[in-house]
C-alpha atoms as a PDB file:
ATOM      1  CA  MET A   1      -0.006   0.031   0.036  1.00  0.00           C
ATOM      2  CA  LEU A   2       1.152   3.535  -0.844  1.00  0.00           C
ATOM      3  CA  TYR A   3       0.511   6.785   1.136  1.00  0.00           C
ATOM      4  CA  ASP A   4       1.036   9.840  -0.916  1.00  0.00           C
ATOM      5  CA  LEU A   5       2.567  12.512   1.249  1.00  0.00           C
ATOM      6  CA  SER A   6       2.726  15.276  -1.376  1.00  0.00           C
ATOM      7  CA  PRO A   7       0.016  17.947  -1.766  1.00  0.00           C
ATOM      8  CA  THR A   8      -1.174  18.853  -5.239  1.00  0.00           C
ATOM      9  CA  ILE A   9       0.773  21.942  -6.488  1.00  0.00           C
ATOM     10  CA  ARG A  10      -1.392  24.763  -7.856  1.00  0.00           C
ATOM     11  CA  PRO A  11      -0.914  28.474  -8.438  1.00  0.00           C
ATOM     12  CA  GLU A  12      -2.891  29.119  -5.210  1.00  0.00           C
ATOM     13  CA  THR A  13      -0.680  26.810  -3.135  1.00  0.00           C
ATOM     14  CA  PRO A  14       0.603  28.936  -0.270  1.00  0.00           C
ATOM     15  CA  VAL A  15       4.332  29.619   0.050  1.00  0.00           C
ATOM     16  CA  TRP A  16       6.373  31.287   2.797  1.00  0.00           C
ATOM     17  CA  PRO A  17       5.421  34.927   2.882  1.00  0.00           C
ATOM     18  CA  GLY A  18       7.590  36.817   0.383  1.00  0.00           C
ATOM     19  CA  ASP A  19       8.777  33.708  -1.445  1.00  0.00           C
ATOM     20  CA  THR A  20       8.010  33.018  -5.146  1.00  0.00           C
ATOM     21  CA  GLN A  21       4.555  31.780  -5.907  1.00  0.00           C
ATOM     22  CA  PHE A  22       4.060  28.741  -8.193  1.00  0.00           C
ATOM     23  CA  GLN A  23       3.090  29.841 -11.747  1.00  0.00           C
ATOM     24  CA  THR A  24       2.729  28.001 -15.029  1.00  0.00           C
ATOM     25  CA  HIS A  25       2.794  29.131 -18.626  1.00  0.00           C
ATOM     26  CA  LEU A  26       1.862  27.232 -21.738  1.00  0.00           C
ATOM     27  CA  SER A  27       4.634  28.218 -24.217  1.00  0.00           C
ATOM     28  CA  TRP A  28       3.382  25.982 -27.022  1.00  0.00           C
ATOM     29  CA  SER A  29      -0.266  24.883 -27.372  1.00  0.00           C
ATOM     30  CA  ILE A  30      -1.809  22.117 -29.534  1.00  0.00           C
ATOM     31  CA  ALA A  31      -5.048  24.132 -29.530  1.00  0.00           C
ATOM     32  CA  GLU A  32      -3.235  26.943 -31.244  1.00  0.00           C
ATOM     33  CA  GLY A  33      -1.527  24.790 -33.909  1.00  0.00           C
ATOM     34  CA  ALA A  34       1.634  23.525 -32.202  1.00  0.00           C
ATOM     35  CA  SER A  35       2.502  19.842 -32.451  1.00  0.00           C
ATOM     36  CA  VAL A  36       2.802  19.505 -28.684  1.00  0.00           C
ATOM     37  CA  ASN A  37       1.862  21.254 -25.501  1.00  0.00           C
ATOM     38  CA  LEU A  38       4.953  22.682 -23.810  1.00  0.00           C
ATOM     39  CA  SER A  39       4.892  24.239 -20.409  1.00  0.00           C
ATOM     40  CA  SER A  40       7.198  26.263 -18.262  1.00  0.00           C
ATOM     41  CA  ILE A  41       7.050  26.960 -14.469  1.00  0.00           C
ATOM     42  CA  THR A  42       8.285  29.650 -12.067  1.00  0.00           C
ATOM     43  CA  THR A  43       8.472  28.721  -8.386  1.00  0.00           C
ATOM     44  CA  THR A  44      10.314  28.593  -5.243  1.00  0.00           C
ATOM     45  CA  PRO A  45      11.852  25.173  -4.589  1.00  0.00           C
ATOM     46  CA  HIS A  46      10.426  25.288  -1.079  1.00  0.00           C
ATOM     47  CA  LEU A  47       7.023  24.291  -2.358  1.00  0.00           C
ATOM     48  CA  GLY A  48       4.634  21.670  -0.948  1.00  0.00           C
ATOM     49  CA  SER A  49       6.552  18.537   0.126  1.00  0.00           C
ATOM     50  CA  HIS A  50      10.268  19.554  -0.364  1.00  0.00           C
ATOM     51  CA  ALA A  51      13.739  18.800   0.831  1.00  0.00           C
ATOM     52  CA  ASP A  52      16.019  21.474   2.363  1.00  0.00           C
ATOM     53  CA  ALA A  53      19.713  21.287   1.478  1.00  0.00           C
ATOM     54  CA  PRO A  54      22.356  22.564   3.956  1.00  0.00           C
ATOM     55  CA  PHE A  55      23.059  25.492   1.574  1.00  0.00           C
ATOM     56  CA  HIS A  56      19.638  26.834   2.629  1.00  0.00           C
ATOM     57  CA  THR A  57      21.044  27.903   6.038  1.00  0.00           C
ATOM     58  CA  GLU A  58      24.752  27.139   5.951  1.00  0.00           C
ATOM     59  CA  PRO A  59      27.033  29.485   3.950  1.00  0.00           C
ATOM     60  CA  ARG A  60      29.318  26.623   2.868  1.00  0.00           C
ATOM     61  CA  GLY A  61      26.659  23.919   2.944  1.00  0.00           C
ATOM     62  CA  GLU A  62      26.039  21.382   0.259  1.00  0.00           C
ATOM     63  CA  GLY A  63      23.566  22.203  -2.442  1.00  0.00           C
ATOM     64  CA  MET A  64      20.636  19.965  -3.382  1.00  0.00           C
ATOM     65  CA  ALA A  65      22.519  18.187  -6.200  1.00  0.00           C
ATOM     66  CA  GLU A  66      25.264  17.153  -3.720  1.00  0.00           C
ATOM     67  CA  MET A  67      22.978  15.537  -1.120  1.00  0.00           C
ATOM     68  CA  PRO A  68      23.337  11.770  -0.696  1.00  0.00           C
ATOM     69  CA  LEU A  69      20.352  10.014  -2.111  1.00  0.00           C
ATOM     70  CA  ASP A  70      20.369   7.252   0.592  1.00  0.00           C
ATOM     71  CA  ARG A  71      18.954   9.805   3.089  1.00  0.00           C
ATOM     72  CA  TYR A  72      15.672  10.043   1.179  1.00  0.00           C
ATOM     73  CA  LEU A  73      15.121   6.272   0.511  1.00  0.00           C
ATOM     74  CA  GLY A  74      14.661   3.538   3.086  1.00  0.00           C
ATOM     75  CA  PRO A  75      12.833   2.548   6.257  1.00  0.00           C
ATOM     76  CA  CYS A  76      11.311   5.244   8.364  1.00  0.00           C
ATOM     77  CA  ARG A  77       9.143   5.707  11.405  1.00  0.00           C
ATOM     78  CA  VAL A  78       6.002   7.850  11.637  1.00  0.00           C
ATOM     79  CA  VAL A  79       5.738   9.372  15.053  1.00  0.00           C
ATOM     80  CA  LYS A  80       2.598  11.219  16.249  1.00  0.00           C
ATOM     81  CA  VAL A  81       3.324  14.244  18.427  1.00  0.00           C
ATOM     82  CA  PRO A  82       0.980  16.722  20.055  1.00  0.00           C
ATOM     83  CA  PRO A  83       0.253  19.859  18.017  1.00  0.00           C
ATOM     84  CA  GLN A  84       2.190  22.103  20.342  1.00  0.00           C
ATOM     85  CA  PRO A  85       4.605  24.889  19.292  1.00  0.00           C
ATOM     86  CA  LEU A  86       7.671  22.761  19.881  1.00  0.00           C
ATOM     87  CA  ILE A  87       8.449  19.063  19.952  1.00  0.00           C
ATOM     88  CA  GLU A  88      10.454  18.552  23.265  1.00  0.00           C
ATOM     89  CA  PRO A  89      12.612  15.531  24.284  1.00  0.00           C
ATOM     90  CA  ARG A  90       9.803  14.370  26.572  1.00  0.00           C
ATOM     91  CA  HIS A  91       7.600  13.736  23.521  1.00  0.00           C
ATOM     92  CA  LEU A  92      10.144  11.234  22.269  1.00  0.00           C
ATOM     93  CA  GLU A  93      10.494   9.123  25.445  1.00  0.00           C
ATOM     94  CA  GLY A  94      10.188   5.454  24.686  1.00  0.00           C
ATOM     95  CA  ILE A  95      10.785   5.873  20.920  1.00  0.00           C
ATOM     96  CA  ASP A  96      13.686   4.157  19.286  1.00  0.00           C
ATOM     97  CA  LEU A  97      15.416   6.929  17.269  1.00  0.00           C
ATOM     98  CA  THR A  98      18.037   4.598  15.781  1.00  0.00           C
ATOM     99  CA  ASN A  99      15.880   1.942  14.264  1.00  0.00           C
ATOM    100  CA  PRO A 100      14.972   2.996  11.715  1.00  0.00           C
ATOM    101  CA  ARG A 101      17.110   6.159  11.359  1.00  0.00           C
ATOM    102  CA  ARG A 102      14.454   8.154   9.494  1.00  0.00           C
ATOM    103  CA  ILE A 103      11.731   9.968  11.510  1.00  0.00           C
ATOM    104  CA  LEU A 104       8.585  11.627  10.193  1.00  0.00           C
ATOM    105  CA  PHE A 105       6.722  13.766  12.772  1.00  0.00           C
ATOM    106  CA  LYS A 106       2.911  13.796  12.477  1.00  0.00           C
ATOM    107  CA  SER A 107       1.693  16.801  14.414  1.00  0.00           C
ATOM    108  CA  GLU A 108      -1.582  17.618  12.469  1.00  0.00           C
ATOM    109  CA  SER A 109      -0.952  21.230  13.551  1.00  0.00           C
ATOM    110  CA  VAL A 110      -1.645  22.516  10.029  1.00  0.00           C
ATOM    111  CA  ARG A 111      -5.301  22.087   9.027  1.00  0.00           C
ATOM    112  CA  ASP A 112      -5.955  24.925   6.546  1.00  0.00           C
ATOM    113  CA  ARG A 113      -3.691  24.366   3.580  1.00  0.00           C
ATOM    114  CA  LYS A 114      -5.344  27.161   1.590  1.00  0.00           C
ATOM    115  CA  SER A 115      -3.289  29.850   3.501  1.00  0.00           C
ATOM    116  CA  PHE A 116       0.145  29.897   4.935  1.00  0.00           C
ATOM    117  CA  PRO A 117       0.106  29.014   8.669  1.00  0.00           C
ATOM    118  CA  GLU A 118       2.102  31.121  11.069  1.00  0.00           C
ATOM    119  CA  ARG A 119       1.505  28.760  13.944  1.00  0.00           C
ATOM    120  CA  PHE A 120       2.666  25.191  13.485  1.00  0.00           C
ATOM    121  CA  THR A 121       4.670  22.561  15.323  1.00  0.00           C
ATOM    122  CA  ALA A 122       8.403  22.796  15.036  1.00  0.00           C
ATOM    123  CA  LEU A 123      11.431  21.072  16.633  1.00  0.00           C
ATOM    124  CA  SER A 124      13.033  22.445  19.740  1.00  0.00           C
ATOM    125  CA  PRO A 125      16.787  22.982  19.597  1.00  0.00           C
ATOM    126  CA  GLU A 126      17.150  20.223  22.114  1.00  0.00           C
ATOM    127  CA  VAL A 127      15.283  17.651  19.978  1.00  0.00           C
ATOM    128  CA  ALA A 128      17.158  18.681  16.836  1.00  0.00           C
ATOM    129  CA  ALA A 129      20.510  18.219  18.640  1.00  0.00           C
ATOM    130  CA  LEU A 130      19.283  14.884  20.043  1.00  0.00           C
ATOM    131  CA  LEU A 131      18.319  13.490  16.603  1.00  0.00           C
ATOM    132  CA  ALA A 132      21.711  14.547  15.190  1.00  0.00           C
ATOM    133  CA  GLU A 133      23.503  12.963  18.174  1.00  0.00           C
ATOM    134  CA  LYS A 134      21.582   9.658  17.671  1.00  0.00           C
ATOM    135  CA  GLY A 135      22.686   9.405  14.016  1.00  0.00           C
ATOM    136  CA  VAL A 136      19.309  10.024  12.486  1.00  0.00           C
ATOM    137  CA  LEU A 137      19.571  10.153   8.663  1.00  0.00           C
ATOM    138  CA  LEU A 138      16.409  12.211   7.919  1.00  0.00           C
ATOM    139  CA  VAL A 139      13.753  14.141   9.694  1.00  0.00           C
ATOM    140  CA  GLY A 140      10.344  15.007   8.135  1.00  0.00           C
ATOM    141  CA  MET A 141       7.671  17.398   9.229  1.00  0.00           C
ATOM    142  CA  ASP A 142       3.994  17.854   8.328  1.00  0.00           C
ATOM    143  CA  THR A 143       4.648  21.611   8.643  1.00  0.00           C
ATOM    144  CA  PRO A 144       6.304  24.292   6.610  1.00  0.00           C
ATOM    145  CA  SER A 145       9.579  24.261   8.721  1.00  0.00           C
ATOM    146  CA  VAL A 146      11.591  22.429  11.378  1.00  0.00           C
ATOM    147  CA  ASP A 147      11.932  25.831  13.006  1.00  0.00           C
ATOM    148  CA  PRO A 148       9.144  28.151  14.215  1.00  0.00           C
ATOM    149  CA  PHE A 149       7.724  30.769  11.809  1.00  0.00           C
ATOM    150  CA  ASP A 150       9.309  33.641  13.713  1.00  0.00           C
ATOM    151  CA  SER A 151      12.674  32.107  14.299  1.00  0.00           C
ATOM    152  CA  LYS A 152      15.631  34.223  13.226  1.00  0.00           C
ATOM    153  CA  THR A 153      18.410  31.874  14.466  1.00  0.00           C
ATOM    154  CA  LEU A 154      17.033  28.670  12.815  1.00  0.00           C
ATOM    155  CA  ASP A 155      18.541  26.549  15.552  1.00  0.00           C
ATOM    156  CA  ALA A 156      16.923  23.300  14.414  1.00  0.00           C
ATOM    157  CA  HIS A 157      18.132  23.709  10.852  1.00  0.00           C
ATOM    158  CA  HIS A 158      21.660  24.390  11.974  1.00  0.00           C
ATOM    159  CA  ALA A 159      21.788  21.482  14.491  1.00  0.00           C
ATOM    160  CA  LEU A 160      20.384  18.990  11.979  1.00  0.00           C
ATOM    161  CA  PHE A 161      22.667  20.090   9.155  1.00  0.00           C
ATOM    162  CA  ARG A 162      25.661  20.026  11.416  1.00  0.00           C
ATOM    163  CA  GLY A 163      24.780  16.346  12.241  1.00  0.00           C
ATOM    164  CA  GLY A 164      24.338  15.327   8.583  1.00  0.00           C
ATOM    165  CA  VAL A 165      20.556  15.029   8.968  1.00  0.00           C
ATOM    166  CA  ALA A 166      18.499  15.558   5.836  1.00  0.00           C
ATOM    167  CA  ILE A 167      15.256  17.597   6.170  1.00  0.00           C
ATOM    168  CA  LEU A 168      11.811  17.136   4.607  1.00  0.00           C
ATOM    169  CA  GLU A 169       9.114  19.764   5.140  1.00  0.00           C
ATOM    170  CA  GLY A 170       5.510  20.209   4.057  1.00  0.00           C
ATOM    171  CA  LEU A 171       4.538  16.550   4.159  1.00  0.00           C
ATOM    172  CA  VAL A 172       0.906  15.524   4.296  1.00  0.00           C
ATOM    173  CA  LEU A 173       0.594  12.777   6.920  1.00  0.00           C
ATOM    174  CA  ASP A 174      -3.200  12.901   7.305  1.00  0.00           C
ATOM    175  CA  GLY A 175      -4.550   9.353   7.545  1.00  0.00           C
ATOM    176  CA  VAL A 176      -1.066   7.759   8.009  1.00  0.00           C
ATOM    177  CA  PRO A 177      -0.949   5.598  11.099  1.00  0.00           C
ATOM    178  CA  GLU A 178       2.099   5.510  13.351  1.00  0.00           C
ATOM    179  CA  GLY A 179       4.476   2.808  12.450  1.00  0.00           C
ATOM    180  CA  VAL A 180       7.432   1.787  10.272  1.00  0.00           C
ATOM    181  CA  TYR A 181       7.259   2.163   6.448  1.00  0.00           C
ATOM    182  CA  GLU A 182       9.585   2.505   3.511  1.00  0.00           C
ATOM    183  CA  LEU A 183      10.063   6.170   2.508  1.00  0.00           C
ATOM    184  CA  ILE A 184      10.657   7.309  -1.083  1.00  0.00           C
ATOM    185  CA  ALA A 185      11.155  11.060  -1.354  1.00  0.00           C
ATOM    186  CA  LEU A 186      13.905  11.724  -3.843  1.00  0.00           C
ATOM    187  CA  PRO A 187      14.894  15.413  -4.627  1.00  0.00           C
ATOM    188  CA  LEU A 188      15.635  16.661  -8.076  1.00  0.00           C
ATOM    189  CA  ARG A 189      19.416  16.872  -9.013  1.00  0.00           C
ATOM    190  CA  MET A 190      19.478  20.597  -9.810  1.00  0.00           C
ATOM    191  CA  ALA A 191      22.697  22.399  -9.224  1.00  0.00           C
ATOM    192  CA  GLY A 192      23.004  25.485  -7.083  1.00  0.00           C
ATOM    193  CA  LEU A 193      19.614  25.108  -5.337  1.00  0.00           C
ATOM    194  CA  ASP A 194      18.987  25.227  -1.627  1.00  0.00           C
ATOM    195  CA  ALA A 195      15.925  23.007  -1.818  1.00  0.00           C
ATOM    196  CA  SER A 196      13.884  20.843  -4.159  1.00  0.00           C
ATOM    197  CA  PRO A 197      10.316  19.657  -4.405  1.00  0.00           C
ATOM    198  CA  VAL A 198       9.860  15.848  -3.809  1.00  0.00           C
ATOM    199  CA  ARG A 199       7.069  13.474  -4.522  1.00  0.00           C
ATOM    200  CA  ALA A 200       7.057  11.773  -1.099  1.00  0.00           C
ATOM    201  CA  VAL A 201       5.448   8.437  -0.588  1.00  0.00           C
ATOM    202  CA  LEU A 202       5.339   5.793   2.077  1.00  0.00           C
ATOM    203  CA  ARG A 203       5.080   2.166   1.202  1.00  0.00           C
ATOM    204  CA  THR A 204       3.901  -0.384   3.835  1.00  0.00           C
ATOM    205  CA  LEU A 205       6.366  -3.110   4.607  1.00  0.00           C
ATOM    206  CA  GLU A 206       5.477  -6.798   4.065  1.00  0.00           C
ATOM    207  CA  ALA A 207       4.687  -8.624   7.253  1.00  0.00           C
END
């Protein structure tokens, strides 16, 4: 069974305030006599379900094209957390963070996807540091960011990237039960970018 974690991208899809909205343009049209339909797009790479690269917050960080693909493919655990401002270490008590080494946090703190939320669940700096210390390969959120909307220091991003942890944001985990799955969320290999959209899916594991 597959769970699709990616929202449909439309021109009205909300983006971080001030970022570039998704737009499409039909450069060639069969209806107007062309042999094919040919489209172009303009967008932020931080759109819908997407991967952040270290270059997003680290001056000398790797770009999206340099990120190891194994981070985005393999066993992962979906963990439900309360829809509070920050995920704290106490919320992870009793959870094995090392098996598997990919964690998706289901907070259900974003309900209205027609407008950009300024309140959503993010990682506390302590949790981000803990995940990096435990050797977690990837962290995914069902929110726009691992850091709070008003954060200027971006402590969670920095702690995760320093520990080699890949980041997925903007996932749709509605209807996905807690448990262990196979994650497939490969970013595009585009040079010089600080992020990439992904088509993120979970596949149930055979018993």
